[in-house]
Amino acid sequence: GDILLLNVYMPSGTTGPERQAFKMQWLGFFYEYVRNLRNEHQRFVICG
């Protein structure tokens, strides 16, 4: 319908500084990704 349903498996940062840095990089990317989605979709659900 008019809803975008996103299913996301986010990285874990628990195995050390390198993985934590990767997770933080992902979170920055994902934040911008979702911000852009808001321009295209008025209604969406993010789960995962």
ModelCIF file with pLDDT and N, C-alpha, C, O atoms, coordinates in Angstrom:
data_MODEL
#
_entry.id   MODEL 
#
_entity.id                         1 
_entity.type                       polymer 
_entity.pdbx_number_of_molecules   1 
#
_entity_poly.entity_id                      1 
_entity_poly.type                           'polypeptide(L)' 
_entity_poly.nstd_linkage                   no 
_entity_poly.nstd_monomer                   no 
_entity_poly.pdbx_seq_one_letter_code       GDILLLNVYMPSGTTGPERQAFKMQWLGFFYEYVRNLRNEHQRFVICG 
_entity_poly.pdbx_seq_one_letter_code_can   GDILLLNVYMPSGTTGPERQAFKMQWLGFFYEYVRNLRNEHQRFVICG 
_entity_poly.pdbx_strand_id                 A 
#
loop_
_entity_poly_seq.entity_id 
_entity_poly_seq.num 
_entity_poly_seq.mon_id 
_entity_poly_seq.hetero 
1 1  GLY n 
1 2  ASP n 
1 3  ILE n 
1 4  LEU n 
1 5  LEU n 
1 6  LEU n 
1 7  ASN n 
1 8  VAL n 
1 9  TYR n 
1 10 MET n 
1 11 PRO n 
1 12 SER n 
1 13 GLY n 
1 14 THR n 
1 15 THR n 
1 16 GLY n 
1 17 PRO n 
1 18 GLU n 
1 19 ARG n 
1 20 GLN n 
1 21 ALA n 
1 22 PHE n 
1 23 LYS n 
1 24 MET n 
1 25 GLN n 
1 26 TRP n 
1 27 LEU n 
1 28 GLY n 
1 29 PHE n 
1 30 PHE n 
1 31 TYR n 
1 32 GLU n 
1 33 TYR n 
1 34 VAL n 
1 35 ARG n 
1 36 ASN n 
1 37 LEU n 
1 38 ARG n 
1 39 ASN n 
1 40 GLU n 
1 41 HIS n 
1 42 GLN n 
1 43 ARG n 
1 44 PHE n 
1 45 VAL n 
1 46 ILE n 
1 47 CYS n 
1 48 GLY n 
#
_struct_asym.id          A 
_struct_asym.entity_id   1 
#
loop_
_ma_qa_metric.id 
_ma_qa_metric.mode 
_ma_qa_metric.name 
_ma_qa_metric.software_group_id 
_ma_qa_metric.type 
1 global pLDDT . pLDDT 
2 local  pLDDT . pLDDT 
#
_ma_qa_metric_global.metric_id      1 
_ma_qa_metric_global.metric_value   91.98 
_ma_qa_metric_global.model_id       1 
_ma_qa_metric_global.ordinal_id     1 
#
loop_
_ma_qa_metric_local.label_asym_id 
_ma_qa_metric_local.label_comp_id 
_ma_qa_metric_local.label_seq_id 
_ma_qa_metric_local.metric_id 
_ma_qa_metric_local.metric_value 
_ma_qa_metric_local.model_id 
_ma_qa_metric_local.ordinal_id 
A GLY 1  2 87.00 1 1  
A ASP 2  2 89.00 1 2  
A ILE 3  2 94.00 1 3  
A LEU 4  2 96.00 1 4  
A LEU 5  2 97.00 1 5  
A LEU 6  2 97.00 1 6  
A ASN 7  2 98.00 1 7  
A VAL 8  2 98.00 1 8  
A TYR 9  2 96.00 1 9  
A MET 10 2 94.00 1 10 
A PRO 11 2 92.00 1 11 
A SER 12 2 86.00 1 12 
A GLY 13 2 79.00 1 13 
A THR 14 2 78.00 1 14 
A THR 15 2 79.00 1 15 
A GLY 16 2 82.00 1 16 
A PRO 17 2 87.00 1 17 
A GLU 18 2 91.00 1 18 
A ARG 19 2 87.00 1 19 
A GLN 20 2 88.00 1 20 
A ALA 21 2 91.00 1 21 
A PHE 22 2 92.00 1 22 
A LYS 23 2 91.00 1 23 
A MET 24 2 92.00 1 24 
A GLN 25 2 95.00 1 25 
A TRP 26 2 95.00 1 26 
A LEU 27 2 95.00 1 27 
A GLY 28 2 96.00 1 28 
A PHE 29 2 97.00 1 29 
A PHE 30 2 97.00 1 30 
A TYR 31 2 96.00 1 31 
A GLU 32 2 97.00 1 32 
A TYR 33 2 96.00 1 33 
A VAL 34 2 96.00 1 34 
A ARG 35 2 95.00 1 35 
A ASN 36 2 94.00 1 36 
A LEU 37 2 93.00 1 37 
A ARG 38 2 90.00 1 38 
A ASN 39 2 90.00 1 39 
A GLU 40 2 88.00 1 40 
A HIS 41 2 88.00 1 41 
A GLN 42 2 86.00 1 42 
A ARG 43 2 93.00 1 43 
A PHE 44 2 92.00 1 44 
A VAL 45 2 96.00 1 45 
A ILE 46 2 97.00 1 46 
A CYS 47 2 96.00 1 47 
A GLY 48 2 96.00 1 48 
#
loop_
_atom_site.group_PDB 
_atom_site.id 
_atom_site.type_symbol 
_atom_site.label_atom_id 
_atom_site.label_alt_id 
_atom_site.label_comp_id 
_atom_site.label_asym_id 
_atom_site.label_entity_id 
_atom_site.label_seq_id 
_atom_site.pdbx_PDB_ins_code 
_atom_site.Cartn_x 
_atom_site.Cartn_y 
_atom_site.Cartn_z 
_atom_site.occupancy 
_atom_site.B_iso_or_equiv 
_atom_site.pdbx_formal_charge 
_atom_site.auth_seq_id 
_atom_site.auth_comp_id 
_atom_site.auth_asym_id 
_atom_site.auth_atom_id 
_atom_site.pdbx_PDB_model_num 
ATOM 1   N N  . GLY A 1 1  ? 0.842  -1.187 0.000  1.00 87.00 ? 1  GLY A N  1 
ATOM 2   C CA . GLY A 1 1  ? 0.000  0.000  0.000  1.00 87.00 ? 1  GLY A CA 1 
ATOM 3   C C  . GLY A 1 1  ? 0.876  1.236  0.000  1.00 87.00 ? 1  GLY A C  1 
ATOM 4   O O  . GLY A 1 1  ? 1.752  1.377  -0.853 1.00 87.00 ? 1  GLY A O  1 
ATOM 5   N N  . ASP A 1 2  ? 0.648  2.137  0.954  1.00 89.00 ? 2  ASP A N  1 
ATOM 6   C CA . ASP A 1 2  ? 1.456  3.352  1.016  1.00 89.00 ? 2  ASP A CA 1 
ATOM 7   C C  . ASP A 1 2  ? 2.517  3.273  2.114  1.00 89.00 ? 2  ASP A C  1 
ATOM 8   O O  . ASP A 1 2  ? 3.043  4.300  2.544  1.00 89.00 ? 2  ASP A O  1 
ATOM 9   N N  . ILE A 1 3  ? 2.827  2.074  2.563  1.00 94.00 ? 3  ILE A N  1 
ATOM 10  C CA . ILE A 1 3  ? 3.802  1.879  3.643  1.00 94.00 ? 3  ILE A CA 1 
ATOM 11  C C  . ILE A 1 3  ? 5.027  1.137  3.112  1.00 94.00 ? 3  ILE A C  1 
ATOM 12  O O  . ILE A 1 3  ? 4.914  0.172  2.356  1.00 94.00 ? 3  ILE A O  1 
ATOM 13  N N  . LEU A 1 4  ? 6.193  1.614  3.528  1.00 96.00 ? 4  LEU A N  1 
ATOM 14  C CA . LEU A 1 4  ? 7.448  0.902  3.287  1.00 96.00 ? 4  LEU A CA 1 
ATOM 15  C C  . LEU A 1 4  ? 7.830  0.223  4.594  1.00 96.00 ? 4  LEU A C  1 
ATOM 16  O O  . LEU A 1 4  ? 7.981  0.885  5.621  1.00 96.00 ? 4  LEU A O  1 
ATOM 17  N N  . LEU A 1 5  ? 7.983  -1.079 4.556  1.00 97.00 ? 5  LEU A N  1 
ATOM 18  C CA . LEU A 1 5  ? 8.413  -1.850 5.722  1.00 97.00 ? 5  LEU A CA 1 
ATOM 19  C C  . LEU A 1 5  ? 9.871  -2.235 5.513  1.00 97.00 ? 5  LEU A C  1 
ATOM 20  O O  . LEU A 1 5  ? 10.199 -2.959 4.573  1.00 97.00 ? 5  LEU A O  1 
ATOM 21  N N  . LEU A 1 6  ? 10.745 -1.749 6.392  1.00 97.00 ? 6  LEU A N  1 
ATOM 22  C CA . LEU A 1 6  ? 12.171 -2.076 6.337  1.00 97.00 ? 6  LEU A CA 1 
ATOM 23  C C  . LEU A 1 6  ? 12.510 -3.076 7.430  1.00 97.00 ? 6  LEU A C  1 
ATOM 24  O O  . LEU A 1 6  ? 12.098 -2.924 8.580  1.00 97.00 ? 6  LEU A O  1 
ATOM 25  N N  . ASN A 1 7  ? 13.260 -4.088 7.059  1.00 98.00 ? 7  ASN A N  1 
ATOM 26  C CA . ASN A 1 7  ? 13.790 -5.067 8.006  1.00 98.00 ? 7  ASN A CA 1 
ATOM 27  C C  . ASN A 1 7  ? 15.306 -4.904 7.997  1.00 98.00 ? 7  ASN A C  1 
ATOM 28  O O  . ASN A 1 7  ? 15.943 -5.005 6.948  1.00 98.00 ? 7  ASN A O  1 
ATOM 29  N N  . VAL A 1 8  ? 15.885 -4.648 9.187  1.00 98.00 ? 8  VAL A N  1 
ATOM 30  C CA . VAL A 1 8  ? 17.293 -4.285 9.288  1.00 98.00 ? 8  VAL A CA 1 
ATOM 31  C C  . VAL A 1 8  ? 18.004 -5.172 10.306 1.00 98.00 ? 8  VAL A C  1 
ATOM 32  O O  . VAL A 1 8  ? 17.488 -5.421 11.396 1.00 98.00 ? 8  VAL A O  1 
ATOM 33  N N  . TYR A 1 9  ? 19.191 -5.644 9.938  1.00 96.00 ? 9  TYR A N  1 
ATOM 34  C CA . TYR A 1 9  ? 20.070 -6.341 10.877 1.00 96.00 ? 9  TYR A CA 1 
ATOM 35  C C  . TYR A 1 9  ? 21.297 -5.457 11.064 1.00 96.00 ? 9  TYR A C  1 
ATOM 36  O O  . TYR A 1 9  ? 22.204 -5.444 10.231 1.00 96.00 ? 9  TYR A O  1 
ATOM 37  N N  . MET A 1 10 ? 21.308 -4.724 12.161 1.00 94.00 ? 10 MET A N  1 
ATOM 38  C CA . MET A 1 10 ? 22.383 -3.768 12.413 1.00 94.00 ? 10 MET A CA 1 
ATOM 39  C C  . MET A 1 10 ? 23.613 -4.473 12.963 1.00 94.00 ? 10 MET A C  1 
ATOM 40  O O  . MET A 1 10 ? 23.493 -5.488 13.648 1.00 94.00 ? 10 MET A O  1 
ATOM 41  N N  . PRO A 1 11 ? 24.789 -3.945 12.671 1.00 92.00 ? 11 PRO A N  1 
ATOM 42  C CA . PRO A 1 11 ? 26.017 -4.574 13.167 1.00 92.00 ? 11 PRO A CA 1 
ATOM 43  C C  . PRO A 1 11 ? 26.127 -4.452 14.687 1.00 92.00 ? 11 PRO A C  1 
ATOM 44  O O  . PRO A 1 11 ? 25.616 -3.517 15.303 1.00 92.00 ? 11 PRO A O  1 
ATOM 45  N N  . SER A 1 12 ? 26.798 -5.416 15.248 1.00 86.00 ? 12 SER A N  1 
ATOM 46  C CA . SER A 1 12 ? 27.111 -5.392 16.674 1.00 86.00 ? 12 SER A CA 1 
ATOM 47  C C  . SER A 1 12 ? 28.473 -4.743 16.856 1.00 86.00 ? 12 SER A C  1 
ATOM 48  O O  . SER A 1 12 ? 29.352 -4.891 16.007 1.00 86.00 ? 12 SER A O  1 
ATOM 49  N N  . GLY A 1 13 ? 28.651 -4.036 17.945 1.00 79.00 ? 13 GLY A N  1 
ATOM 50  C CA . GLY A 1 13 ? 29.935 -3.397 18.221 1.00 79.00 ? 13 GLY A CA 1 
ATOM 51  C C  . GLY A 1 13 ? 30.611 -3.962 19.451 1.00 79.00 ? 13 GLY A C  1 
ATOM 52  O O  . GLY A 1 13 ? 31.472 -3.315 20.046 1.00 79.00 ? 13 GLY A O  1 
ATOM 53  N N  . THR A 1 14 ? 30.222 -5.171 19.834 1.00 78.00 ? 14 THR A N  1 
ATOM 54  C CA . THR A 1 14 ? 30.657 -5.708 21.128 1.00 78.00 ? 14 THR A CA 1 
ATOM 55  C C  . THR A 1 14 ? 31.996 -6.420 21.120 1.00 78.00 ? 14 THR A C  1 
ATOM 56  O O  . THR A 1 14 ? 32.501 -6.774 22.185 1.00 78.00 ? 14 THR A O  1 
ATOM 57  N N  . THR A 1 15 ? 32.583 -6.640 19.963 1.00 79.00 ? 15 THR A N  1 
ATOM 58  C CA . THR A 1 15 ? 33.817 -7.438 19.934 1.00 79.00 ? 15 THR A CA 1 
ATOM 59  C C  . THR A 1 15 ? 35.087 -6.605 19.956 1.00 79.00 ? 15 THR A C  1 
ATOM 60  O O  . THR A 1 15 ? 36.182 -7.143 19.790 1.00 79.00 ? 15 THR A O  1 
ATOM 61  N N  . GLY A 1 16 ? 34.957 -5.305 20.157 1.00 82.00 ? 16 GLY A N  1 
ATOM 62  C CA . GLY A 1 16 ? 36.162 -4.488 20.261 1.00 82.00 ? 16 GLY A CA 1 
ATOM 63  C C  . GLY A 1 16 ? 36.042 -3.169 19.536 1.00 82.00 ? 16 GLY A C  1 
ATOM 64  O O  . GLY A 1 16 ? 35.027 -2.889 18.899 1.00 82.00 ? 16 GLY A O  1 
ATOM 65  N N  . PRO A 1 17 ? 37.079 -2.361 19.634 1.00 87.00 ? 17 PRO A N  1 
ATOM 66  C CA . PRO A 1 17 ? 37.062 -1.016 19.057 1.00 87.00 ? 17 PRO A CA 1 
ATOM 67  C C  . PRO A 1 17 ? 36.835 -0.982 17.545 1.00 87.00 ? 17 PRO A C  1 
ATOM 68  O O  . PRO A 1 17 ? 36.152 -0.090 17.042 1.00 87.00 ? 17 PRO A O  1 
ATOM 69  N N  . GLU A 1 18 ? 37.397 -1.939 16.827 1.00 91.00 ? 18 GLU A N  1 
ATOM 70  C CA . GLU A 1 18 ? 37.230 -1.951 15.370 1.00 91.00 ? 18 GLU A CA 1 
ATOM 71  C C  . GLU A 1 18 ? 35.765 -2.166 14.987 1.00 91.00 ? 18 GLU A C  1 
ATOM 72  O O  . GLU A 1 18 ? 35.244 -1.481 14.108 1.00 91.00 ? 18 GLU A O  1 
ATOM 73  N N  . ARG A 1 19 ? 35.105 -3.118 15.648 1.00 87.00 ? 19 ARG A N  1 
ATOM 74  C CA . ARG A 1 19 ? 33.693 -3.374 15.361 1.00 87.00 ? 19 ARG A CA 1 
ATOM 75  C C  . ARG A 1 19 ? 32.816 -2.214 15.836 1.00 87.00 ? 19 ARG A C  1 
ATOM 76  O O  . ARG A 1 19 ? 31.818 -1.879 15.198 1.00 87.00 ? 19 ARG A O  1 
ATOM 77  N N  . GLN A 1 20 ? 33.194 -1.609 16.955 1.00 88.00 ? 20 GLN A N  1 
ATOM 78  C CA . GLN A 1 20 ? 32.434 -0.459 17.446 1.00 88.00 ? 20 GLN A CA 1 
ATOM 79  C C  . GLN A 1 20 ? 32.536 0.695  16.455 1.00 88.00 ? 20 GLN A C  1 
ATOM 80  O O  . GLN A 1 20 ? 31.550 1.390  16.209 1.00 88.00 ? 20 GLN A O  1 
ATOM 81  N N  . ALA A 1 21 ? 33.705 0.900  15.892 1.00 91.00 ? 21 ALA A N  1 
ATOM 82  C CA . ALA A 1 21 ? 33.887 1.951  14.884 1.00 91.00 ? 21 ALA A CA 1 
ATOM 83  C C  . ALA A 1 21 ? 33.034 1.655  13.644 1.00 91.00 ? 21 ALA A C  1 
ATOM 84  O O  . ALA A 1 21 ? 32.418 2.555  13.074 1.00 91.00 ? 21 ALA A O  1 
ATOM 85  N N  . PHE A 1 22 ? 33.007 0.372  13.235 1.00 92.00 ? 22 PHE A N  1 
ATOM 86  C CA . PHE A 1 22 ? 32.183 -0.020 12.085 1.00 92.00 ? 22 PHE A CA 1 
ATOM 87  C C  . PHE A 1 22 ? 30.708 0.234  12.376 1.00 92.00 ? 22 PHE A C  1 
ATOM 88  O O  . PHE A 1 22 ? 29.978 0.729  11.518 1.00 92.00 ? 22 PHE A O  1 
ATOM 89  N N  . LYS A 1 23 ? 30.274 -0.106 13.587 1.00 91.00 ? 23 LYS A N  1 
ATOM 90  C CA . LYS A 1 23 ? 28.889 0.123  13.966 1.00 91.00 ? 23 LYS A CA 1 
ATOM 91  C C  . LYS A 1 23 ? 28.548 1.616  13.931 1.00 91.00 ? 23 LYS A C  1 
ATOM 92  O O  . LYS A 1 23 ? 27.492 2.001  13.429 1.00 91.00 ? 23 LYS A O  1 
ATOM 93  N N  . MET A 1 24 ? 29.435 2.447  14.459 1.00 92.00 ? 24 MET A N  1 
ATOM 94  C CA . MET A 1 24 ? 29.189 3.888  14.462 1.00 92.00 ? 24 MET A CA 1 
ATOM 95  C C  . MET A 1 24 ? 29.138 4.430  13.025 1.00 92.00 ? 24 MET A C  1 
ATOM 96  O O  . MET A 1 24 ? 28.331 5.309  12.722 1.00 92.00 ? 24 MET A O  1 
ATOM 97  N N  . GLN A 1 25 ? 29.988 3.911  12.154 1.00 95.00 ? 25 GLN A N  1 
ATOM 98  C CA . GLN A 1 25 ? 29.951 4.291  10.738 1.00 95.00 ? 25 GLN A CA 1 
ATOM 99  C C  . GLN A 1 25 ? 28.591 3.909  10.152 1.00 95.00 ? 25 GLN A C  1 
ATOM 100 O O  . GLN A 1 25 ? 27.963 4.709  9.459  1.00 95.00 ? 25 GLN A O  1 
ATOM 101 N N  . TRP A 1 26 ? 28.143 2.691  10.432 1.00 95.00 ? 26 TRP A N  1 
ATOM 102 C CA . TRP A 1 26 ? 26.836 2.212  9.958  1.00 95.00 ? 26 TRP A CA 1 
ATOM 103 C C  . TRP A 1 26 ? 25.714 3.115  10.469 1.00 95.00 ? 26 TRP A C  1 
ATOM 104 O O  . TRP A 1 26 ? 24.836 3.506  9.700  1.00 95.00 ? 26 TRP A O  1 
ATOM 105 N N  . LEU A 1 27 ? 25.740 3.448  11.766 1.00 95.00 ? 27 LEU A N  1 
ATOM 106 C CA . LEU A 1 27 ? 24.672 4.268  12.337 1.00 95.00 ? 27 LEU A CA 1 
ATOM 107 C C  . LEU A 1 27 ? 24.592 5.639  11.663 1.00 95.00 ? 27 LEU A C  1 
ATOM 108 O O  . LEU A 1 27 ? 23.498 6.151  11.424 1.00 95.00 ? 27 LEU A O  1 
ATOM 109 N N  . GLY A 1 28 ? 25.732 6.223  11.362 1.00 96.00 ? 28 GLY A N  1 
ATOM 110 C CA . GLY A 1 28 ? 25.744 7.492  10.636 1.00 96.00 ? 28 GLY A CA 1 
ATOM 111 C C  . GLY A 1 28 ? 25.140 7.349  9.252  1.00 96.00 ? 28 GLY A C  1 
ATOM 112 O O  . GLY A 1 28 ? 24.331 8.171  8.822  1.00 96.00 ? 28 GLY A O  1 
ATOM 113 N N  . PHE A 1 29 ? 25.547 6.286  8.560  1.00 97.00 ? 29 PHE A N  1 
ATOM 114 C CA . PHE A 1 29 ? 24.997 6.017  7.231  1.00 97.00 ? 29 PHE A CA 1 
ATOM 115 C C  . PHE A 1 29 ? 23.492 5.785  7.312  1.00 97.00 ? 29 PHE A C  1 
ATOM 116 O O  . PHE A 1 29 ? 22.726 6.350  6.531  1.00 97.00 ? 29 PHE A O  1 
ATOM 117 N N  . PHE A 1 30 ? 23.076 4.952  8.260  1.00 97.00 ? 30 PHE A N  1 
ATOM 118 C CA . PHE A 1 30 ? 21.665 4.573  8.355  1.00 97.00 ? 30 PHE A CA 1 
ATOM 119 C C  . PHE A 1 30 ? 20.789 5.778  8.699  1.00 97.00 ? 30 PHE A C  1 
ATOM 120 O O  . PHE A 1 30 ? 19.672 5.898  8.195  1.00 97.00 ? 30 PHE A O  1 
ATOM 121 N N  . TYR A 1 31 ? 21.283 6.652  9.540  1.00 96.00 ? 31 TYR A N  1 
ATOM 122 C CA . TYR A 1 31 ? 20.543 7.859  9.890  1.00 96.00 ? 31 TYR A CA 1 
ATOM 123 C C  . TYR A 1 31 ? 20.254 8.677  8.624  1.00 96.00 ? 31 TYR A C  1 
ATOM 124 O O  . TYR A 1 31 ? 19.122 9.115  8.415  1.00 96.00 ? 31 TYR A O  1 
ATOM 125 N N  . GLU A 1 32 ? 21.269 8.883  7.787  1.00 97.00 ? 32 GLU A N  1 
ATOM 126 C CA . GLU A 1 32 ? 21.085 9.648  6.548  1.00 97.00 ? 32 GLU A CA 1 
ATOM 127 C C  . GLU A 1 32 ? 20.176 8.890  5.570  1.00 97.00 ? 32 GLU A C  1 
ATOM 128 O O  . GLU A 1 32 ? 19.355 9.495  4.879  1.00 97.00 ? 32 GLU A O  1 
ATOM 129 N N  . TYR A 1 33 ? 20.330 7.584  5.522  1.00 96.00 ? 33 TYR A N  1 
ATOM 130 C CA . TYR A 1 33 ? 19.495 6.752  4.653  1.00 96.00 ? 33 TYR A CA 1 
ATOM 131 C C  . TYR A 1 33 ? 18.016 6.932  5.013  1.00 96.00 ? 33 TYR A C  1 
ATOM 132 O O  . TYR A 1 33 ? 17.175 7.126  4.134  1.00 96.00 ? 33 TYR A O  1 
ATOM 133 N N  . VAL A 1 34 ? 17.712 6.868  6.302  1.00 96.00 ? 34 VAL A N  1 
ATOM 134 C CA . VAL A 1 34 ? 16.329 7.021  6.745  1.00 96.00 ? 34 VAL A CA 1 
ATOM 135 C C  . VAL A 1 34 ? 15.837 8.448  6.523  1.00 96.00 ? 34 VAL A C  1 
ATOM 136 O O  . VAL A 1 34 ? 14.687 8.657  6.136  1.00 96.00 ? 34 VAL A O  1 
ATOM 137 N N  . ARG A 1 35 ? 16.691 9.416  6.763  1.00 95.00 ? 35 ARG A N  1 
ATOM 138 C CA . ARG A 1 35 ? 16.317 10.811 6.494  1.00 95.00 ? 35 ARG A CA 1 
ATOM 139 C C  . ARG A 1 35 ? 15.898 10.992 5.037  1.00 95.00 ? 35 ARG A C  1 
ATOM 140 O O  . ARG A 1 35 ? 14.910 11.667 4.749  1.00 95.00 ? 35 ARG A O  1 
ATOM 141 N N  . ASN A 1 36 ? 16.652 10.389 4.123  1.00 94.00 ? 36 ASN A N  1 
ATOM 142 C CA . ASN A 1 36 ? 16.308 10.466 2.696  1.00 94.00 ? 36 ASN A CA 1 
ATOM 143 C C  . ASN A 1 36 ? 15.017 9.720  2.393  1.00 94.00 ? 36 ASN A C  1 
ATOM 144 O O  . ASN A 1 36 ? 14.230 10.159 1.553  1.00 94.00 ? 36 ASN A O  1 
ATOM 145 N N  . LEU A 1 37 ? 14.791 8.599  3.066  1.00 93.00 ? 37 LEU A N  1 
ATOM 146 C CA . LEU A 1 37 ? 13.550 7.846  2.852  1.00 93.00 ? 37 LEU A CA 1 
ATOM 147 C C  . LEU A 1 37 ? 12.330 8.685  3.221  1.00 93.00 ? 37 LEU A C  1 
ATOM 148 O O  . LEU A 1 37 ? 11.276 8.571  2.595  1.00 93.00 ? 37 LEU A O  1 
ATOM 149 N N  . ARG A 1 38 ? 12.476 9.517  4.227  1.00 90.00 ? 38 ARG A N  1 
ATOM 150 C CA . ARG A 1 38 ? 11.356 10.351 4.657  1.00 90.00 ? 38 ARG A CA 1 
ATOM 151 C C  . ARG A 1 38 ? 10.924 11.317 3.558  1.00 90.00 ? 38 ARG A C  1 
ATOM 152 O O  . ARG A 1 38 ? 9.774  11.758 3.545  1.00 90.00 ? 38 ARG A O  1 
ATOM 153 N N  . ASN A 1 39 ? 11.824 11.654 2.636  1.00 90.00 ? 39 ASN A N  1 
ATOM 154 C CA . ASN A 1 39 ? 11.466 12.505 1.505  1.00 90.00 ? 39 ASN A CA 1 
ATOM 155 C C  . ASN A 1 39 ? 10.629 11.753 0.478  1.00 90.00 ? 39 ASN A C  1 
ATOM 156 O O  . ASN A 1 39 ? 9.841  12.357 -0.250 1.00 90.00 ? 39 ASN A O  1 
ATOM 157 N N  . GLU A 1 40 ? 10.799 10.435 0.421  1.00 88.00 ? 40 GLU A N  1 
ATOM 158 C CA . GLU A 1 40 ? 10.114 9.613  -0.574 1.00 88.00 ? 40 GLU A CA 1 
ATOM 159 C C  . GLU A 1 40 ? 8.857  8.937  -0.033 1.00 88.00 ? 40 GLU A C  1 
ATOM 160 O O  . GLU A 1 40 ? 7.908  8.694  -0.778 1.00 88.00 ? 40 GLU A O  1 
ATOM 161 N N  . HIS A 1 41 ? 8.854  8.637  1.254  1.00 88.00 ? 41 HIS A N  1 
ATOM 162 C CA . HIS A 1 41 ? 7.764  7.857  1.853  1.00 88.00 ? 41 HIS A CA 1 
ATOM 163 C C  . HIS A 1 41 ? 7.230  8.574  3.089  1.00 88.00 ? 41 HIS A C  1 
ATOM 164 O O  . HIS A 1 41 ? 7.977  8.898  4.013  1.00 88.00 ? 41 HIS A O  1 
ATOM 165 N N  . GLN A 1 42 ? 5.946  8.808  3.083  1.00 86.00 ? 42 GLN A N  1 
ATOM 166 C CA . GLN A 1 42 ? 5.365  9.455  4.252  1.00 86.00 ? 42 GLN A CA 1 
ATOM 167 C C  . GLN A 1 42 ? 5.181  8.459  5.388  1.00 86.00 ? 42 GLN A C  1 
ATOM 168 O O  . GLN A 1 42 ? 5.240  8.825  6.562  1.00 86.00 ? 42 GLN A O  1 
ATOM 169 N N  . ARG A 1 43 ? 4.960  7.216  5.034  1.00 93.00 ? 43 ARG A N  1 
ATOM 170 C CA . ARG A 1 43 ? 4.716  6.206  6.056  1.00 93.00 ? 43 ARG A CA 1 
ATOM 171 C C  . ARG A 1 43 ? 5.686  5.046  5.869  1.00 93.00 ? 43 ARG A C  1 
ATOM 172 O O  . ARG A 1 43 ? 5.742  4.434  4.802  1.00 93.00 ? 43 ARG A O  1 
ATOM 173 N N  . PHE A 1 44 ? 6.452  4.750  6.924  1.00 92.00 ? 44 PHE A N  1 
ATOM 174 C CA . PHE A 1 44 ? 7.279  3.558  6.883  1.00 92.00 ? 44 PHE A CA 1 
ATOM 175 C C  . PHE A 1 44 ? 7.490  3.026  8.286  1.00 92.00 ? 44 PHE A C  1 
ATOM 176 O O  . PHE A 1 44 ? 7.349  3.742  9.278  1.00 92.00 ? 44 PHE A O  1 
ATOM 177 N N  . VAL A 1 45 ? 7.832  1.744  8.339  1.00 96.00 ? 45 VAL A N  1 
ATOM 178 C CA . VAL A 1 45 ? 8.098  1.043  9.586  1.00 96.00 ? 45 VAL A CA 1 
ATOM 179 C C  . VAL A 1 45 ? 9.496  0.456  9.471  1.00 96.00 ? 45 VAL A C  1 
ATOM 180 O O  . VAL A 1 45 ? 9.850  -0.135 8.451  1.00 96.00 ? 45 VAL A O  1 
ATOM 181 N N  . ILE A 1 46 ? 10.285 0.624  10.524 1.00 97.00 ? 46 ILE A N  1 
ATOM 182 C CA . ILE A 1 46 ? 11.614 0.020  10.568 1.00 97.00 ? 46 ILE A CA 1 
ATOM 183 C C  . ILE A 1 46 ? 11.623 -0.975 11.721 1.00 97.00 ? 46 ILE A C  1 
ATOM 184 O O  . ILE A 1 46 ? 11.351 -0.618 12.867 1.00 97.00 ? 46 ILE A O  1 
ATOM 185 N N  . CYS A 1 47 ? 11.935 -2.212 11.407 1.00 96.00 ? 47 CYS A N  1 
ATOM 186 C CA . CYS A 1 47 ? 12.053 -3.204 12.468 1.00 96.00 ? 47 CYS A CA 1 
ATOM 187 C C  . CYS A 1 47 ? 13.313 -4.030 12.208 1.00 96.00 ? 47 CYS A C  1 
ATOM 188 O O  . CYS A 1 47 ? 13.933 -3.922 11.150 1.00 96.00 ? 47 CYS A O  1 
ATOM 189 N N  . GLY A 1 48 ? 13.672 -4.835 13.167 1.00 96.00 ? 48 GLY A N  1 
ATOM 190 C CA . GLY A 1 48 ? 14.829 -5.683 12.987 1.00 96.00 ? 48 GLY A CA 1 
ATOM 191 C C  . GLY A 1 48 ? 15.599 -5.865 14.269 1.00 96.00 ? 48 GLY A C  1 
ATOM 192 O O  . GLY A 1 48 ? 16.614 -6.562 14.286 1.00 96.00 ? 48 GLY A O  1 
#
